[in-house]
Amino acid sequence: MPEFSGGPDAARHPRPREGGQEAPGEGEPPAVAGGRCALDAGLGLLARREHSVAELRTKLAARGYASGDIEGTLEELAQRMLLCDRRFAEAFLRSRAERGQGPLRIRAQLMRRGVRSGLIDAALDGAEADWDQCAQAARRKRFGPSLPAERAEQARQARFLSGRGFSSGQVARALLADRTQ
């Protein structure tokens, strides 16, 4: 075991052993200790927030765990119902909809995170979000309650809503909604 200096960074900067040699097992990635470390790392990541299976696989690989340990960890976490792409997709969708993002952007972000298309469709279909209202709320939050009178301002607000991930129909309804009420 290495000796530690007494400063605040002692845990990160151990003093080298005499002769400059490391003890057996030191300096090797944590995956050498077996699947238990990968499981602990996976649990730690899931304790902070939900992850998709693909996200967790990528993060564990980046930490240097062996692919066999990663796959075993993912299987065990799924069996314990701690790792579930369906639950991740639903939580992610709720979170992003509350931030004012539309279904197209949410779908793209879930695809980038490795969630299967069928699970994304199910989450979007099961969402209790009224996307037209979400688009109207995002427009009002950014631009205020009054609707744009000029074409240039309408186009600017439409670009903003499109960038947020709302469909062209949702954008049009958001720009016309307050006029019809």
Protein backbone atom coordinates (compact mmCIF):
# COMPACT_ATOMS: atom_id res chain seq x y z
CA MET A 1 0.00 0.00 0.00
CA PRO A 2 1.46 3.39 -0.92
CA GLU A 3 2.26 5.96 1.69
CA PHE A 4 0.30 9.19 1.51
CA SER A 5 1.44 12.75 2.02
CA GLY A 6 -0.58 14.67 4.55
CA GLY A 7 -2.06 17.35 2.24
CA PRO A 8 -5.63 17.68 1.02
CA ASP A 9 -4.72 15.94 -2.26
CA ALA A 10 -3.18 13.01 -0.46
CA ALA A 11 -5.64 10.43 -1.78
CA ARG A 12 -5.02 11.50 -5.37
CA HIS A 13 -1.24 11.85 -5.18
CA PRO A 14 0.37 8.97 -3.27
CA ARG A 15 4.10 9.12 -2.63
CA PRO A 16 6.03 6.59 -4.70
CA ARG A 17 7.39 3.58 -2.88
CA GLU A 18 11.09 3.39 -2.16
CA GLY A 19 13.00 2.33 -5.23
CA GLY A 20 10.20 3.62 -7.51
CA GLN A 21 8.42 0.25 -7.66
CA GLU A 22 4.72 -0.30 -7.27
CA ALA A 23 3.31 -3.03 -5.10
CA PRO A 24 1.70 -5.95 -6.97
CA GLY A 25 -1.75 -4.96 -8.28
CA GLU A 26 -1.16 -1.22 -7.98
CA GLY A 27 -1.56 0.85 -11.12
CA GLU A 28 -3.85 -1.71 -12.77
CA PRO A 29 -7.39 -0.70 -13.72
CA PRO A 30 -10.11 -1.52 -11.20
CA ALA A 31 -11.54 -4.15 -13.57
CA VAL A 32 -8.71 -6.48 -12.55
CA ALA A 33 -10.41 -6.95 -9.19
CA GLY A 34 -13.36 -8.62 -10.95
CA GLY A 35 -16.99 -7.89 -11.70
CA ARG A 36 -17.76 -6.65 -8.22
CA CYS A 37 -16.02 -3.31 -8.83
CA ALA A 38 -17.90 -2.84 -12.09
CA LEU A 39 -21.15 -3.55 -10.25
CA ASP A 40 -20.29 -1.01 -7.56
CA ALA A 41 -19.45 1.59 -10.21
CA GLY A 42 -22.72 0.87 -12.02
CA LEU A 43 -24.70 1.21 -8.81
CA GLY A 44 -22.95 4.49 -8.07
CA LEU A 45 -23.84 5.88 -11.48
CA LEU A 46 -27.47 4.76 -11.15
CA ALA A 47 -27.70 6.30 -7.68
CA ARG A 48 -27.20 9.72 -9.26
CA ARG A 49 -29.73 9.39 -12.10
CA GLU A 50 -31.35 6.90 -14.47
CA HIS A 51 -29.16 5.70 -17.34
CA SER A 52 -29.91 3.79 -20.51
CA VAL A 53 -28.17 0.45 -20.93
CA ALA A 54 -25.98 1.90 -23.70
CA GLU A 55 -25.00 4.94 -21.59
CA LEU A 56 -24.00 2.77 -18.64
CA ARG A 57 -22.04 0.40 -20.90
CA THR A 58 -20.13 3.37 -22.36
CA LYS A 59 -19.37 4.90 -18.96
CA LEU A 60 -18.14 1.63 -17.48
CA ALA A 61 -15.95 0.98 -20.54
CA ALA A 62 -14.49 4.48 -20.21
CA ARG A 63 -13.51 3.63 -16.64
CA GLY A 64 -11.48 0.68 -17.89
CA TYR A 65 -13.66 -2.28 -16.97
CA ALA A 66 -13.43 -5.44 -19.07
CA SER A 67 -16.29 -6.06 -21.48
CA GLY A 68 -17.16 -9.34 -19.76
CA ASP A 69 -17.47 -7.59 -16.41
CA ILE A 70 -19.55 -4.82 -17.98
CA GLU A 71 -22.01 -7.24 -19.58
CA GLY A 72 -22.34 -9.21 -16.34
CA THR A 73 -22.95 -6.00 -14.44
CA LEU A 74 -25.60 -4.84 -16.91
CA GLU A 75 -27.39 -8.20 -16.69
CA GLU A 76 -27.38 -8.17 -12.91
CA LEU A 77 -28.63 -4.59 -12.70
CA ALA A 78 -31.42 -5.41 -15.16
CA GLN A 79 -32.40 -8.52 -13.16
CA ARG A 80 -32.57 -6.41 -10.00
CA MET A 81 -34.81 -3.96 -11.92
CA LEU A 82 -32.30 -1.16 -11.35
CA LEU A 83 -31.55 -0.67 -15.04
CA CYS A 84 -34.43 -0.33 -17.48
CA ASP A 85 -34.48 1.51 -20.81
CA ARG A 86 -38.28 1.92 -20.64
CA ARG A 87 -38.11 3.64 -17.26
CA PHE A 88 -35.16 5.75 -18.42
CA ALA A 89 -37.07 6.87 -21.53
CA GLU A 90 -40.14 7.84 -19.50
CA ALA A 91 -38.12 9.80 -16.92
CA PHE A 92 -36.04 11.48 -19.61
CA LEU A 93 -39.15 12.45 -21.57
CA ARG A 94 -40.81 13.98 -18.49
CA SER A 95 -37.68 15.92 -17.62
CA ARG A 96 -37.16 17.31 -21.10
CA ALA A 97 -40.84 18.15 -21.64
CA GLU A 98 -40.76 20.17 -18.40
CA ARG A 99 -37.80 22.10 -19.83
CA GLY A 100 -39.87 23.08 -22.86
CA GLN A 101 -38.43 20.65 -25.39
CA GLY A 102 -40.59 19.08 -28.08
CA PRO A 103 -41.09 15.47 -29.09
CA LEU A 104 -38.76 15.54 -32.09
CA ARG A 105 -35.79 16.74 -30.06
CA ILE A 106 -36.54 14.33 -27.23
CA ARG A 107 -36.73 11.45 -29.71
CA ALA A 108 -33.34 12.39 -31.19
CA GLN A 109 -31.74 12.65 -27.75
CA LEU A 110 -33.09 9.25 -26.70
CA MET A 111 -31.80 7.69 -29.92
CA ARG A 112 -28.34 9.16 -29.21
CA ARG A 113 -28.49 7.57 -25.77
CA GLY A 114 -29.08 4.14 -27.29
CA VAL A 115 -32.78 3.66 -26.53
CA ARG A 116 -34.59 1.49 -29.07
CA SER A 117 -37.09 3.17 -31.38
CA GLY A 118 -39.99 1.03 -30.14
CA LEU A 119 -39.42 2.11 -26.55
CA ILE A 120 -39.22 5.75 -27.62
CA ASP A 121 -42.50 5.46 -29.52
CA ALA A 122 -44.18 3.85 -26.50
CA ALA A 123 -42.89 6.56 -24.17
CA LEU A 124 -44.03 9.37 -26.48
CA ASP A 125 -47.43 7.74 -27.01
CA GLY A 126 -47.88 7.24 -23.27
CA ALA A 127 -46.77 10.75 -22.38
CA GLU A 128 -49.38 12.92 -20.78
CA ALA A 129 -47.87 16.01 -22.39
CA ASP A 130 -50.02 18.19 -24.62
CA TRP A 131 -47.34 19.15 -27.13
CA ASP A 132 -49.34 22.09 -28.48
CA GLN A 133 -49.56 23.57 -24.99
CA CYS A 134 -45.87 22.88 -24.39
CA ALA A 135 -45.00 24.76 -27.59
CA GLN A 136 -47.22 27.70 -26.57
CA ALA A 137 -45.65 27.79 -23.09
CA ALA A 138 -42.11 27.70 -24.53
CA ARG A 139 -42.98 30.56 -26.91
CA ARG A 140 -44.53 32.67 -24.14
CA LYS A 141 -41.61 32.05 -21.79
CA ARG A 142 -39.06 33.14 -24.39
CA PHE A 143 -40.94 35.94 -26.17
CA GLY A 144 -43.70 37.05 -23.80
CA PRO A 145 -47.47 36.83 -24.11
CA SER A 146 -47.98 39.03 -27.17
CA LEU A 147 -47.95 37.35 -30.56
CA PRO A 148 -45.63 38.61 -33.28
CA ALA A 149 -47.23 41.03 -35.71
CA GLU A 150 -44.49 41.07 -38.33
CA ARG A 151 -43.50 38.20 -40.59
CA ALA A 152 -39.84 38.42 -39.60
CA GLU A 153 -40.68 38.02 -35.92
CA GLN A 154 -43.06 35.14 -36.67
CA ALA A 155 -40.26 33.41 -38.57
CA ARG A 156 -37.83 33.99 -35.71
CA GLN A 157 -40.24 32.47 -33.17
CA ALA A 158 -41.00 29.57 -35.52
CA ARG A 159 -37.25 28.84 -35.85
CA PHE A 160 -36.91 28.90 -32.08
CA LEU A 161 -39.75 26.41 -31.59
CA SER A 162 -38.47 24.18 -34.39
CA GLY A 163 -35.06 24.14 -32.74
CA ARG A 164 -36.73 23.09 -29.51
CA GLY A 165 -38.07 20.01 -31.29
CA PHE A 166 -41.66 20.88 -32.08
CA SER A 167 -43.21 19.78 -35.37
CA SER A 168 -44.27 22.32 -37.97
CA GLY A 169 -47.92 21.77 -37.04
CA GLN A 170 -47.23 22.37 -33.37
CA VAL A 171 -45.25 25.50 -34.23
CA ALA A 172 -48.05 26.87 -36.41
CA ARG A 173 -50.65 26.18 -33.73
CA ALA A 174 -48.47 27.85 -31.08
CA LEU A 175 -48.15 31.00 -33.21
CA LEU A 176 -51.88 31.10 -33.96
CA ALA A 177 -53.31 29.82 -30.67
CA ASP A 178 -53.63 33.08 -28.81
CA ARG A 179 -55.23 34.77 -31.82
CA THR A 180 -58.07 32.26 -31.86
CA GLN A 181 -58.74 32.47 -28.13
